[in-house]
Amino acid sequence: MSSETLGAEFEIIVPLDWGEVTPITLEENDAFPFVYVVLGGDMYSEAIIIDSFVTENGQTKIGNFEFGRP
């Protein structure tokens, strides 16, 4: 996925004019096979679910993710 596509998908759940995304919190639970990234803000509360990672050229990257709360 290109950075432009990623940015556009992110802006669907958190438009840029909604202000700063803070705090950002990682929630890990051994009972679930994913990392839950909580995105806080004054006008919203959203999340990104990361359920896999890949290694490319010696760098760890996000393999699969989903925007929005479950």
PDB file of N, CA and C in Angstrom:
ATOM      1  N   MET A   1       0.842  -1.163   0.000  1.00  0.00           N
ATOM      2  CA  MET A   1       0.000   0.000   0.000  1.00  0.00           C
ATOM      3  C   MET A   1       0.898   1.240   0.000  1.00  0.00           C
ATOM      4  N   SER A   2       0.568   2.185  -0.827  1.00  0.00           N
ATOM      5  CA  SER A   2       1.373   3.408  -0.897  1.00  0.00           C
ATOM      6  C   SER A   2       1.093   4.290   0.320  1.00  0.00           C
ATOM      7  N   SER A   3       2.005   5.198   0.609  1.00  0.00           N
ATOM      8  CA  SER A   3       1.803   6.099   1.742  1.00  0.00           C
ATOM      9  C   SER A   3       0.607   7.029   1.490  1.00  0.00           C
ATOM     10  N   GLU A   4       0.348   7.355   0.230  1.00  0.00           N
ATOM     11  CA  GLU A   4      -0.802   8.196  -0.099  1.00  0.00           C
ATOM     12  C   GLU A   4      -2.108   7.468   0.211  1.00  0.00           C
ATOM     13  N   THR A   5      -2.185   6.184  -0.151  1.00  0.00           N
ATOM     14  CA  THR A   5      -3.382   5.384   0.118  1.00  0.00           C
ATOM     15  C   THR A   5      -3.567   5.202   1.618  1.00  0.00           C
ATOM     16  N   LEU A   6      -2.484   4.921   2.323  1.00  0.00           N
ATOM     17  CA  LEU A   6      -2.539   4.759   3.769  1.00  0.00           C
ATOM     18  C   LEU A   6      -3.047   6.042   4.427  1.00  0.00           C
ATOM     19  N   GLY A   7      -2.514   7.174   4.009  1.00  0.00           N
ATOM     20  CA  GLY A   7      -2.950   8.465   4.556  1.00  0.00           C
ATOM     21  C   GLY A   7      -4.412   8.738   4.282  1.00  0.00           C
ATOM     22  N   ALA A   8      -4.877   8.433   3.077  1.00  0.00           N
ATOM     23  CA  ALA A   8      -6.279   8.654   2.724  1.00  0.00           C
ATOM     24  C   ALA A   8      -7.201   7.774   3.561  1.00  0.00           C
ATOM     25  N   GLU A   9      -6.820   6.513   3.772  1.00  0.00           N
ATOM     26  CA  GLU A   9      -7.634   5.609   4.595  1.00  0.00           C
ATOM     27  C   GLU A   9      -7.671   6.075   6.045  1.00  0.00           C
ATOM     28  N   PHE A  10      -6.540   6.556   6.548  1.00  0.00           N
ATOM     29  CA  PHE A  10      -6.490   7.063   7.917  1.00  0.00           C
ATOM     30  C   PHE A  10      -7.404   8.273   8.066  1.00  0.00           C
ATOM     31  N   GLU A  11      -7.381   9.177   7.085  1.00  0.00           N
ATOM     32  CA  GLU A  11      -8.185  10.389   7.156  1.00  0.00           C
ATOM     33  C   GLU A  11      -9.681  10.105   7.076  1.00  0.00           C
ATOM     34  N   ILE A  12     -10.078   8.922   6.634  1.00  0.00           N
ATOM     35  CA  ILE A  12     -11.493   8.557   6.654  1.00  0.00           C
ATOM     36  C   ILE A  12     -11.981   8.425   8.091  1.00  0.00           C
ATOM     37  N   ILE A  13     -11.145   7.857   8.970  1.00  0.00           N
ATOM     38  CA  ILE A  13     -11.566   7.691  10.358  1.00  0.00           C
ATOM     39  C   ILE A  13     -11.164   8.867  11.232  1.00  0.00           C
ATOM     40  N   VAL A  14     -10.098   9.567  10.881  1.00  0.00           N
ATOM     41  CA  VAL A  14      -9.626  10.714  11.657  1.00  0.00           C
ATOM     42  C   VAL A  14      -9.268  11.842  10.688  1.00  0.00           C
ATOM     43  N   PRO A  15     -10.252  12.684  10.321  1.00  0.00           N
ATOM     44  CA  PRO A  15      -9.954  13.808   9.421  1.00  0.00           C
ATOM     45  C   PRO A  15      -8.908  14.745  10.021  1.00  0.00           C
ATOM     46  N   LEU A  16      -8.053  15.298   9.176  1.00  0.00           N
ATOM     47  CA  LEU A  16      -6.963  16.159   9.644  1.00  0.00           C
ATOM     48  C   LEU A  16      -7.459  17.376  10.408  1.00  0.00           C
ATOM     49  N   ASP A  17      -8.643  17.887  10.080  1.00  0.00           N
ATOM     50  CA  ASP A  17      -9.135  19.086  10.765  1.00  0.00           C
ATOM     51  C   ASP A  17      -9.722  18.794  12.146  1.00  0.00           C
ATOM     52  N   TRP A  18      -9.629  17.552  12.615  1.00  0.00           N
ATOM     53  CA  TRP A  18     -10.097  17.192  13.956  1.00  0.00           C
ATOM     54  C   TRP A  18      -9.028  17.424  15.011  1.00  0.00           C
ATOM     55  N   GLY A  19      -7.868  17.833  14.617  1.00  0.00           N
ATOM     56  CA  GLY A  19      -6.825  18.150  15.583  1.00  0.00           C
ATOM     57  C   GLY A  19      -5.836  17.025  15.789  1.00  0.00           C
ATOM     58  N   GLU A  20      -4.975  17.242  16.776  1.00  0.00           N
ATOM     59  CA  GLU A  20      -3.881  16.326  17.064  1.00  0.00           C
ATOM     60  C   GLU A  20      -4.383  14.970  17.559  1.00  0.00           C
ATOM     61  N   VAL A  21      -3.712  13.917  17.104  1.00  0.00           N
ATOM     62  CA  VAL A  21      -4.008  12.562  17.560  1.00  0.00           C
ATOM     63  C   VAL A  21      -3.145  12.305  18.787  1.00  0.00           C
ATOM     64  N   THR A  22      -3.755  12.412  19.955  1.00  0.00           N
ATOM     65  CA  THR A  22      -3.034  12.192  21.201  1.00  0.00           C
ATOM     66  C   THR A  22      -4.017  11.914  22.321  1.00  0.00           C
ATOM     67  N   PRO A  23      -3.777  11.007  23.173  1.00  0.00           N
ATOM     68  CA  PRO A  23      -2.605  10.136  23.229  1.00  0.00           C
ATOM     69  C   PRO A  23      -2.737   8.955  22.277  1.00  0.00           C
ATOM     70  N   ILE A  24      -1.612   8.344  21.973  1.00  0.00           N
ATOM     71  CA  ILE A  24      -1.573   7.099  21.212  1.00  0.00           C
ATOM     72  C   ILE A  24      -1.077   6.033  22.184  1.00  0.00           C
ATOM     73  N   THR A  25      -1.865   4.991  22.369  1.00  0.00           N
ATOM     74  CA  THR A  25      -1.555   3.955  23.353  1.00  0.00           C
ATOM     75  C   THR A  25      -1.564   2.587  22.694  1.00  0.00           C
ATOM     76  N   LEU A  26      -0.568   1.762  22.972  1.00  0.00           N
ATOM     77  CA  LEU A  26      -0.543   0.380  22.497  1.00  0.00           C
ATOM     78  C   LEU A  26      -1.087  -0.515  23.593  1.00  0.00           C
ATOM     79  N   GLU A  27      -2.067  -1.345  23.228  1.00  0.00           N
ATOM     80  CA  GLU A  27      -2.620  -2.295  24.179  1.00  0.00           C
ATOM     81  C   GLU A  27      -2.360  -3.699  23.665  1.00  0.00           C
ATOM     82  N   GLU A  28      -1.609  -4.457  24.430  1.00  0.00           N
ATOM     83  CA  GLU A  28      -1.309  -5.841  24.076  1.00  0.00           C
ATOM     84  C   GLU A  28      -1.960  -6.759  25.105  1.00  0.00           C
ATOM     85  N   ASN A  29      -2.496  -7.861  24.632  1.00  0.00           N
ATOM     86  CA  ASN A  29      -3.133  -8.839  25.502  1.00  0.00           C
ATOM     87  C   ASN A  29      -2.790 -10.211  24.947  1.00  0.00           C
ATOM     88  N   ASP A  30      -2.168 -11.047  25.741  1.00  0.00           N
ATOM     89  CA  ASP A  30      -1.768 -12.376  25.275  1.00  0.00           C
ATOM     90  C   ASP A  30      -2.953 -13.238  24.834  1.00  0.00           C
ATOM     91  N   ALA A  31      -4.157 -12.867  25.233  1.00  0.00           N
ATOM     92  CA  ALA A  31      -5.351 -13.634  24.848  1.00  0.00           C
ATOM     93  C   ALA A  31      -5.770 -13.332  23.407  1.00  0.00           C
ATOM     94  N   PHE A  32      -5.249 -12.242  22.828  1.00  0.00           N
ATOM     95  CA  PHE A  32      -5.625 -11.852  21.471  1.00  0.00           C
ATOM     96  C   PHE A  32      -4.392 -11.828  20.574  1.00  0.00           C
ATOM     97  N   PRO A  33      -4.530 -12.259  19.322  1.00  0.00           N
ATOM     98  CA  PRO A  33      -3.372 -12.315  18.414  1.00  0.00           C
ATOM     99  C   PRO A  33      -3.126 -11.009  17.661  1.00  0.00           C
ATOM    100  N   PHE A  34      -3.298  -9.876  18.336  1.00  0.00           N
ATOM    101  CA  PHE A  34      -3.083  -8.604  17.669  1.00  0.00           C
ATOM    102  C   PHE A  34      -2.658  -7.548  18.668  1.00  0.00           C
ATOM    103  N   VAL A  35      -2.159  -6.426  18.128  1.00  0.00           N
ATOM    104  CA  VAL A  35      -1.841  -5.244  18.924  1.00  0.00           C
ATOM    105  C   VAL A  35      -2.915  -4.216  18.613  1.00  0.00           C
ATOM    106  N   TYR A  36      -3.485  -3.632  19.643  1.00  0.00           N
ATOM    107  CA  TYR A  36      -4.558  -2.655  19.502  1.00  0.00           C
ATOM    108  C   TYR A  36      -3.965  -1.276  19.779  1.00  0.00           C
ATOM    109  N   VAL A  37      -3.980  -0.389  18.787  1.00  0.00           N
ATOM    110  CA  VAL A  37      -3.416   0.946  18.916  1.00  0.00           C
ATOM    111  C   VAL A  37      -4.574   1.924  19.105  1.00  0.00           C
ATOM    112  N   VAL A  38      -4.677   2.492  20.288  1.00  0.00           N
ATOM    113  CA  VAL A  38      -5.761   3.417  20.606  1.00  0.00           C
ATOM    114  C   VAL A  38      -5.328   4.828  20.215  1.00  0.00           C
ATOM    115  N   LEU A  39      -6.163   5.497  19.408  1.00  0.00           N
ATOM    116  CA  LEU A  39      -5.899   6.858  18.956  1.00  0.00           C
ATOM    117  C   LEU A  39      -6.870   7.789  19.669  1.00  0.00           C
ATOM    118  N   GLY A  40      -6.348   8.607  20.560  1.00  0.00           N
ATOM    119  CA  GLY A  40      -7.207   9.515  21.296  1.00  0.00           C
ATOM    120  C   GLY A  40      -7.248  10.883  20.662  1.00  0.00           C
ATOM    121  N   GLY A  41      -8.285  11.620  20.989  1.00  0.00           N
ATOM    122  CA  GLY A  41      -8.413  12.976  20.495  1.00  0.00           C
ATOM    123  C   GLY A  41      -9.600  13.650  21.154  1.00  0.00           C
ATOM    124  N   ASP A  42      -9.701  14.952  20.989  1.00  0.00           N
ATOM    125  CA  ASP A  42     -10.799  15.696  21.589  1.00  0.00           C
ATOM    126  C   ASP A  42     -12.147  15.368  20.959  1.00  0.00           C
ATOM    127  N   MET A  43     -12.158  15.009  19.671  1.00  0.00           N
ATOM    128  CA  MET A  43     -13.418  14.799  18.952  1.00  0.00           C
ATOM    129  C   MET A  43     -13.698  13.344  18.606  1.00  0.00           C
ATOM    130  N   TYR A  44     -12.825  12.428  18.956  1.00  0.00           N
ATOM    131  CA  TYR A  44     -12.986  11.044  18.512  1.00  0.00           C
ATOM    132  C   TYR A  44     -12.214  10.096  19.404  1.00  0.00           C
ATOM    133  N   SER A  45     -12.475   8.832  19.226  1.00  0.00           N
ATOM    134  CA  SER A  45     -11.683   7.763  19.835  1.00  0.00           C
ATOM    135  C   SER A  45     -11.710   6.618  18.837  1.00  0.00           C
ATOM    136  N   GLU A  46     -10.617   6.386  18.180  1.00  0.00           N
ATOM    137  CA  GLU A  46     -10.531   5.355  17.150  1.00  0.00           C
ATOM    138  C   GLU A  46      -9.376   4.418  17.469  1.00  0.00           C
ATOM    139  N   ALA A  47      -9.154   3.456  16.575  1.00  0.00           N
ATOM    140  CA  ALA A  47      -8.080   2.496  16.815  1.00  0.00           C
ATOM    141  C   ALA A  47      -7.564   1.922  15.503  1.00  0.00           C
ATOM    142  N   ILE A  48      -6.388   1.328  15.604  1.00  0.00           N
ATOM    143  CA  ILE A  48      -5.800   0.545  14.515  1.00  0.00           C
ATOM    144  C   ILE A  48      -5.469  -0.814  15.117  1.00  0.00           C
ATOM    145  N   ILE A  49      -5.892  -1.871  14.459  1.00  0.00           N
ATOM    146  CA  ILE A  49      -5.581  -3.229  14.897  1.00  0.00           C
ATOM    147  C   ILE A  49      -4.480  -3.754  13.990  1.00  0.00           C
ATOM    148  N   ILE A  50      -3.349  -4.140  14.579  1.00  0.00           N
ATOM    149  CA  ILE A  50      -2.220  -4.699  13.825  1.00  0.00           C
ATOM    150  C   ILE A  50      -2.145  -6.174  14.161  1.00  0.00           C
ATOM    151  N   ASP A  51      -2.329  -7.024  13.142  1.00  0.00           N
ATOM    152  CA  ASP A  51      -2.346  -8.459  13.444  1.00  0.00           C
ATOM    153  C   ASP A  51      -1.232  -9.261  12.799  1.00  0.00           C
ATOM    154  N   SER A  52      -0.321  -8.588  12.101  1.00  0.00           N
ATOM    155  CA  SER A  52       0.853  -9.312  11.606  1.00  0.00           C
ATOM    156  C   SER A  52       1.972  -8.332  11.274  1.00  0.00           C
ATOM    157  N   PHE A  53       3.175  -8.856  11.338  1.00  0.00           N
ATOM    158  CA  PHE A  53       4.370  -8.092  11.000  1.00  0.00           C
ATOM    159  C   PHE A  53       5.177  -8.878   9.987  1.00  0.00           C
ATOM    160  N   VAL A  54       5.934  -8.185   9.151  1.00  0.00           N
ATOM    161  CA  VAL A  54       6.801  -8.823   8.162  1.00  0.00           C
ATOM    162  C   VAL A  54       8.195  -8.211   8.268  1.00  0.00           C
ATOM    163  N   THR A  55       9.170  -8.923   7.757  1.00  0.00           N
ATOM    164  CA  THR A  55      10.531  -8.403   7.703  1.00  0.00           C
ATOM    165  C   THR A  55      10.916  -8.237   6.240  1.00  0.00           C
ATOM    166  N   GLU A  56      11.324  -7.025   5.886  1.00  0.00           N
ATOM    167  CA  GLU A  56      11.778  -6.714   4.530  1.00  0.00           C
ATOM    168  C   GLU A  56      13.127  -6.012   4.634  1.00  0.00           C
ATOM    169  N   ASN A  57      14.115  -6.548   3.964  1.00  0.00           N
ATOM    170  CA  ASN A  57      15.454  -5.957   3.961  1.00  0.00           C
ATOM    171  C   ASN A  57      15.960  -5.693   5.379  1.00  0.00           C
ATOM    172  N   GLY A  58      15.695  -6.628   6.274  1.00  0.00           N
ATOM    173  CA  GLY A  58      16.173  -6.515   7.641  1.00  0.00           C
ATOM    174  C   GLY A  58      15.381  -5.577   8.527  1.00  0.00           C
ATOM    175  N   GLN A  59      14.281  -5.011   8.016  1.00  0.00           N
ATOM    176  CA  GLN A  59      13.450  -4.093   8.802  1.00  0.00           C
ATOM    177  C   GLN A  59      12.099  -4.733   9.085  1.00  0.00           C
ATOM    178  N   THR A  60      11.634  -4.609  10.314  1.00  0.00           N
ATOM    179  CA  THR A  60      10.309  -5.102  10.668  1.00  0.00           C
ATOM    180  C   THR A  60       9.282  -4.044  10.307  1.00  0.00           C
ATOM    181  N   LYS A  61       8.233  -4.487   9.601  1.00  0.00           N
ATOM    182  CA  LYS A  61       7.169  -3.584   9.161  1.00  0.00           C
ATOM    183  C   LYS A  61       5.822  -4.202   9.481  1.00  0.00           C
ATOM    184  N   ILE A  62       4.804  -3.364   9.500  1.00  0.00           N
ATOM    185  CA  ILE A  62       3.451  -3.857   9.707  1.00  0.00           C
ATOM    186  C   ILE A  62       3.015  -4.624   8.468  1.00  0.00           C
ATOM    187  N   GLY A  63       2.538  -5.855   8.686  1.00  0.00           N
ATOM    188  CA  GLY A  63       2.096  -6.676   7.574  1.00  0.00           C
ATOM    189  C   GLY A  63       0.626  -6.519   7.273  1.00  0.00           C
ATOM    190  N   ASN A  64      -0.224  -6.571   8.295  1.00  0.00           N
ATOM    191  CA  ASN A  64      -1.659  -6.461   8.100  1.00  0.00           C
ATOM    192  C   ASN A  64      -2.253  -5.622   9.231  1.00  0.00           C
ATOM    193  N   PHE A  65      -3.170  -4.735   8.871  1.00  0.00           N
ATOM    194  CA  PHE A  65      -3.791  -3.870   9.864  1.00  0.00           C
ATOM    195  C   PHE A  65      -5.222  -3.563   9.439  1.00  0.00           C
ATOM    196  N   GLU A  66      -5.969  -3.006  10.386  1.00  0.00           N
ATOM    197  CA  GLU A  66      -7.354  -2.612  10.132  1.00  0.00           C
ATOM    198  C   GLU A  66      -7.597  -1.306  10.878  1.00  0.00           C
ATOM    199  N   PHE A  67      -8.179  -0.322  10.198  1.00  0.00           N
ATOM    200  CA  PHE A  67      -8.543   0.922  10.844  1.00  0.00           C
ATOM    201  C   PHE A  67      -9.909   0.783  11.486  1.00  0.00           C
ATOM    202  N   GLY A  68     -10.116   1.479  12.587  1.00  0.00           N
ATOM    203  CA  GLY A  68     -11.420   1.512  13.239  1.00  0.00           C
ATOM    204  C   GLY A  68     -11.494   0.586  14.417  1.00  0.00           C
ATOM    205  N   ARG A  69     -12.490   0.822  15.247  1.00  0.00           N
ATOM    206  CA  ARG A  69     -12.695  -0.025  16.421  1.00  0.00           C
ATOM    207  C   ARG A  69     -13.482  -1.267  16.024  1.00  0.00           C
ATOM    208  N   PRO A  70     -13.201  -2.379  16.707  1.00  0.00           N
ATOM    209  CA  PRO A  70     -13.958  -3.601  16.366  1.00  0.00           C
ATOM    210  C   PRO A  70     -15.391  -3.520  16.851  1.00  0.00           C
TER     211      PRO A  70
END
